[in-house]
Amino acid sequence: MPANQLKTKKSNRNSTGLARAAVYSGLVFQMIAVILAFVWIGNKLDSKFHPESALYIIIFSILGVFIALYVALKDFIKPRR
């Protein structure tokens, strides 16, 4: 096999690996954004309705984790083309 074809195959594998890494790192940032958004909503609701407790922060942070996991798994499981 000529050297040019070997370099092409190696560069294709490397670009595929980099593309996957970019997708997964984007997924991590998306999950963090969803969780932080729900914690922020819970904090605002707590400061308005229950300033002495952290009830809404706890509820909304757990809800945010579950929604972030759902979005991540839905994106992770979808078939690749």
N, C-alpha and C. Protein backbone atom coordinates (compact mmCIF):
# COMPACT_ATOMS: atom_id res chain seq x y z
N MET A 1 0.85 -1.17 0.00
CA MET A 1 0.00 0.00 0.00
C MET A 1 0.90 1.24 0.00
N PRO A 2 0.65 2.17 -0.87
CA PRO A 2 1.48 3.36 -0.94
C PRO A 2 1.37 4.21 0.33
N ALA A 3 2.41 4.99 0.57
CA ALA A 3 2.48 5.81 1.78
C ALA A 3 1.37 6.85 1.81
N ASN A 4 0.96 7.35 0.65
CA ASN A 4 -0.10 8.37 0.61
C ASN A 4 -1.42 7.82 1.14
N GLN A 5 -1.73 6.57 0.79
CA GLN A 5 -2.97 5.97 1.25
C GLN A 5 -2.93 5.71 2.75
N LEU A 6 -1.77 5.33 3.27
CA LEU A 6 -1.65 5.11 4.71
C LEU A 6 -1.85 6.42 5.46
N LYS A 7 -1.28 7.51 4.97
CA LYS A 7 -1.45 8.81 5.62
C LYS A 7 -2.91 9.24 5.58
N THR A 8 -3.59 8.97 4.48
CA THR A 8 -5.00 9.34 4.35
C THR A 8 -5.84 8.56 5.34
N LYS A 9 -5.58 7.25 5.48
CA LYS A 9 -6.34 6.44 6.43
C LYS A 9 -6.10 6.90 7.85
N LYS A 10 -4.84 7.22 8.19
CA LYS A 10 -4.54 7.68 9.54
C LYS A 10 -5.20 9.03 9.81
N SER A 11 -5.17 9.93 8.85
CA SER A 11 -5.79 11.24 9.07
C SER A 11 -7.30 11.13 9.17
N ASN A 12 -7.91 10.18 8.45
CA ASN A 12 -9.35 9.97 8.57
C ASN A 12 -9.71 9.46 9.95
N ARG A 13 -8.90 8.53 10.49
CA ARG A 13 -9.15 8.02 11.83
C ARG A 13 -8.99 9.12 12.86
N ASN A 14 -7.97 9.95 12.71
CA ASN A 14 -7.74 11.02 13.66
C ASN A 14 -8.85 12.06 13.60
N SER A 15 -9.31 12.39 12.41
CA SER A 15 -10.39 13.37 12.30
C SER A 15 -11.69 12.81 12.85
N THR A 16 -11.91 11.52 12.71
CA THR A 16 -13.10 10.90 13.28
C THR A 16 -13.03 10.94 14.80
N GLY A 17 -11.87 10.66 15.35
CA GLY A 17 -11.70 10.72 16.81
C GLY A 17 -11.88 12.12 17.34
N LEU A 18 -11.36 13.10 16.62
CA LEU A 18 -11.52 14.49 17.05
C LEU A 18 -12.98 14.93 16.94
N ALA A 19 -13.66 14.46 15.92
CA ALA A 19 -15.07 14.81 15.78
C ALA A 19 -15.89 14.23 16.92
N ARG A 20 -15.60 12.99 17.30
CA ARG A 20 -16.31 12.38 18.43
C ARG A 20 -16.01 13.11 19.72
N ALA A 21 -14.75 13.49 19.92
CA ALA A 21 -14.38 14.22 21.13
C ALA A 21 -15.10 15.56 21.18
N ALA A 22 -15.24 16.22 20.04
CA ALA A 22 -15.93 17.50 20.00
C ALA A 22 -17.41 17.32 20.32
N VAL A 23 -18.01 16.27 19.82
CA VAL A 23 -19.43 16.00 20.10
C VAL A 23 -19.62 15.74 21.58
N TYR A 24 -18.78 14.92 22.18
CA TYR A 24 -18.94 14.59 23.60
C TYR A 24 -18.64 15.77 24.50
N SER A 25 -17.66 16.59 24.15
CA SER A 25 -17.39 17.75 24.98
C SER A 25 -18.52 18.76 24.86
N GLY A 26 -19.10 18.89 23.69
CA GLY A 26 -20.27 19.75 23.54
C GLY A 26 -21.45 19.24 24.35
N LEU A 27 -21.59 17.93 24.42
CA LEU A 27 -22.66 17.32 25.20
C LEU A 27 -22.48 17.60 26.68
N VAL A 28 -21.24 17.59 27.16
CA VAL A 28 -20.96 17.89 28.56
C VAL A 28 -21.34 19.33 28.88
N PHE A 29 -20.95 20.25 28.01
CA PHE A 29 -21.30 21.65 28.25
C PHE A 29 -22.80 21.88 28.20
N GLN A 30 -23.49 21.15 27.34
CA GLN A 30 -24.94 21.25 27.26
C GLN A 30 -25.58 20.75 28.55
N MET A 31 -25.08 19.65 29.10
CA MET A 31 -25.61 19.12 30.35
C MET A 31 -25.37 20.11 31.49
N ILE A 32 -24.18 20.69 31.54
CA ILE A 32 -23.87 21.66 32.59
C ILE A 32 -24.80 22.86 32.49
N ALA A 33 -25.05 23.32 31.27
CA ALA A 33 -25.92 24.48 31.08
C ALA A 33 -27.34 24.19 31.55
N VAL A 34 -27.85 23.01 31.25
CA VAL A 34 -29.21 22.65 31.66
C VAL A 34 -29.31 22.59 33.18
N ILE A 35 -28.34 21.94 33.81
CA ILE A 35 -28.37 21.80 35.27
C ILE A 35 -28.25 23.17 35.93
N LEU A 36 -27.33 24.01 35.46
CA LEU A 36 -27.18 25.34 36.05
C LEU A 36 -28.41 26.21 35.84
N ALA A 37 -29.07 26.06 34.71
CA ALA A 37 -30.30 26.82 34.47
C ALA A 37 -31.39 26.43 35.47
N PHE A 38 -31.52 25.14 35.73
CA PHE A 38 -32.54 24.69 36.68
C PHE A 38 -32.18 25.08 38.12
N VAL A 39 -30.91 25.06 38.46
CA VAL A 39 -30.49 25.52 39.79
C VAL A 39 -30.78 27.01 39.94
N TRP A 40 -30.53 27.78 38.89
CA TRP A 40 -30.81 29.21 38.92
C TRP A 40 -32.31 29.48 39.11
N ILE A 41 -33.14 28.73 38.39
CA ILE A 41 -34.60 28.87 38.55
C ILE A 41 -35.01 28.52 39.98
N GLY A 42 -34.47 27.43 40.50
CA GLY A 42 -34.78 27.05 41.88
C GLY A 42 -34.35 28.10 42.87
N ASN A 43 -33.19 28.71 42.65
CA ASN A 43 -32.71 29.76 43.53
C ASN A 43 -33.63 30.97 43.50
N LYS A 44 -34.07 31.36 42.30
CA LYS A 44 -34.98 32.50 42.18
C LYS A 44 -36.31 32.21 42.88
N LEU A 45 -36.84 31.00 42.70
CA LEU A 45 -38.10 30.65 43.35
C LEU A 45 -37.94 30.60 44.87
N ASP A 46 -36.82 30.07 45.35
CA ASP A 46 -36.57 30.04 46.79
C ASP A 46 -36.47 31.43 47.38
N SER A 47 -35.79 32.32 46.69
CA SER A 47 -35.64 33.67 47.23
C SER A 47 -36.97 34.42 47.24
N LYS A 48 -37.87 34.04 46.35
CA LYS A 48 -39.17 34.72 46.28
C LYS A 48 -40.19 34.12 47.25
N PHE A 49 -40.26 32.79 47.33
CA PHE A 49 -41.31 32.14 48.09
C PHE A 49 -40.86 31.54 49.43
N HIS A 50 -39.66 30.99 49.50
CA HIS A 50 -39.16 30.34 50.72
C HIS A 50 -37.73 30.79 51.01
N PRO A 51 -37.54 32.00 51.50
CA PRO A 51 -36.17 32.47 51.72
C PRO A 51 -35.43 31.72 52.83
N GLU A 52 -36.15 31.04 53.71
CA GLU A 52 -35.49 30.36 54.83
C GLU A 52 -35.08 28.93 54.51
N SER A 53 -35.52 28.38 53.37
CA SER A 53 -35.17 27.00 53.03
C SER A 53 -34.66 26.93 51.59
N ALA A 54 -34.16 25.76 51.23
CA ALA A 54 -33.64 25.54 49.87
C ALA A 54 -34.45 24.47 49.15
N LEU A 55 -35.74 24.49 49.38
CA LEU A 55 -36.61 23.46 48.82
C LEU A 55 -36.61 23.46 47.29
N TYR A 56 -36.81 24.62 46.69
CA TYR A 56 -36.88 24.70 45.24
C TYR A 56 -35.52 24.45 44.57
N ILE A 57 -34.45 24.85 45.21
CA ILE A 57 -33.13 24.56 44.65
C ILE A 57 -32.90 23.06 44.56
N ILE A 58 -33.28 22.36 45.62
CA ILE A 58 -33.10 20.90 45.63
C ILE A 58 -33.98 20.24 44.56
N ILE A 59 -35.24 20.63 44.51
CA ILE A 59 -36.17 20.03 43.55
C ILE A 59 -35.73 20.32 42.12
N PHE A 60 -35.42 21.58 41.82
CA PHE A 60 -35.07 21.94 40.46
C PHE A 60 -33.69 21.44 40.04
N SER A 61 -32.76 21.31 40.99
CA SER A 61 -31.46 20.76 40.61
C SER A 61 -31.57 19.27 40.26
N ILE A 62 -32.36 18.53 41.02
CA ILE A 62 -32.58 17.11 40.69
C ILE A 62 -33.33 16.98 39.37
N LEU A 63 -34.33 17.83 39.17
CA LEU A 63 -35.06 17.82 37.91
C LEU A 63 -34.13 18.16 36.74
N GLY A 64 -33.23 19.12 36.95
CA GLY A 64 -32.27 19.50 35.91
C GLY A 64 -31.32 18.36 35.57
N VAL A 65 -30.89 17.61 36.58
CA VAL A 65 -30.01 16.46 36.32
C VAL A 65 -30.73 15.42 35.48
N PHE A 66 -31.98 15.12 35.83
CA PHE A 66 -32.72 14.13 35.06
C PHE A 66 -32.98 14.59 33.62
N ILE A 67 -33.31 15.86 33.45
CA ILE A 67 -33.54 16.38 32.10
C ILE A 67 -32.24 16.38 31.30
N ALA A 68 -31.14 16.75 31.93
CA ALA A 68 -29.85 16.74 31.25
C ALA A 68 -29.45 15.32 30.84
N LEU A 69 -29.69 14.36 31.71
CA LEU A 69 -29.40 12.96 31.37
C LEU A 69 -30.29 12.48 30.23
N TYR A 70 -31.56 12.87 30.25
CA TYR A 70 -32.47 12.48 29.17
C TYR A 70 -32.00 13.04 27.83
N VAL A 71 -31.64 14.33 27.82
CA VAL A 71 -31.18 14.96 26.58
C VAL A 71 -29.88 14.31 26.11
N ALA A 72 -28.98 14.03 27.04
CA ALA A 72 -27.70 13.43 26.68
C ALA A 72 -27.89 12.02 26.13
N LEU A 73 -28.70 11.23 26.79
CA LEU A 73 -28.92 9.86 26.31
C LEU A 73 -29.67 9.84 24.98
N LYS A 74 -30.61 10.75 24.82
CA LYS A 74 -31.33 10.83 23.55
C LYS A 74 -30.36 11.17 22.41
N ASP A 75 -29.45 12.10 22.68
CA ASP A 75 -28.47 12.49 21.67
C ASP A 75 -27.42 11.39 21.46
N PHE A 76 -27.06 10.70 22.52
CA PHE A 76 -26.04 9.67 22.45
C PHE A 76 -26.53 8.43 21.72
N ILE A 77 -27.79 8.09 21.91
CA ILE A 77 -28.34 6.85 21.35
C ILE A 77 -28.80 7.02 19.90
N LYS A 78 -29.07 8.25 19.48
CA LYS A 78 -29.60 8.42 18.12
C LYS A 78 -28.61 7.86 17.08
N PRO A 79 -29.14 7.25 16.03
CA PRO A 79 -28.26 6.62 15.04
C PRO A 79 -27.40 7.66 14.30
N ARG A 80 -26.15 7.30 14.12
CA ARG A 80 -25.21 8.16 13.38
C ARG A 80 -25.27 7.82 11.90
N ARG A 81 -25.09 8.82 11.07
CA ARG A 81 -25.08 8.57 9.63
C ARG A 81 -23.68 8.52 9.11
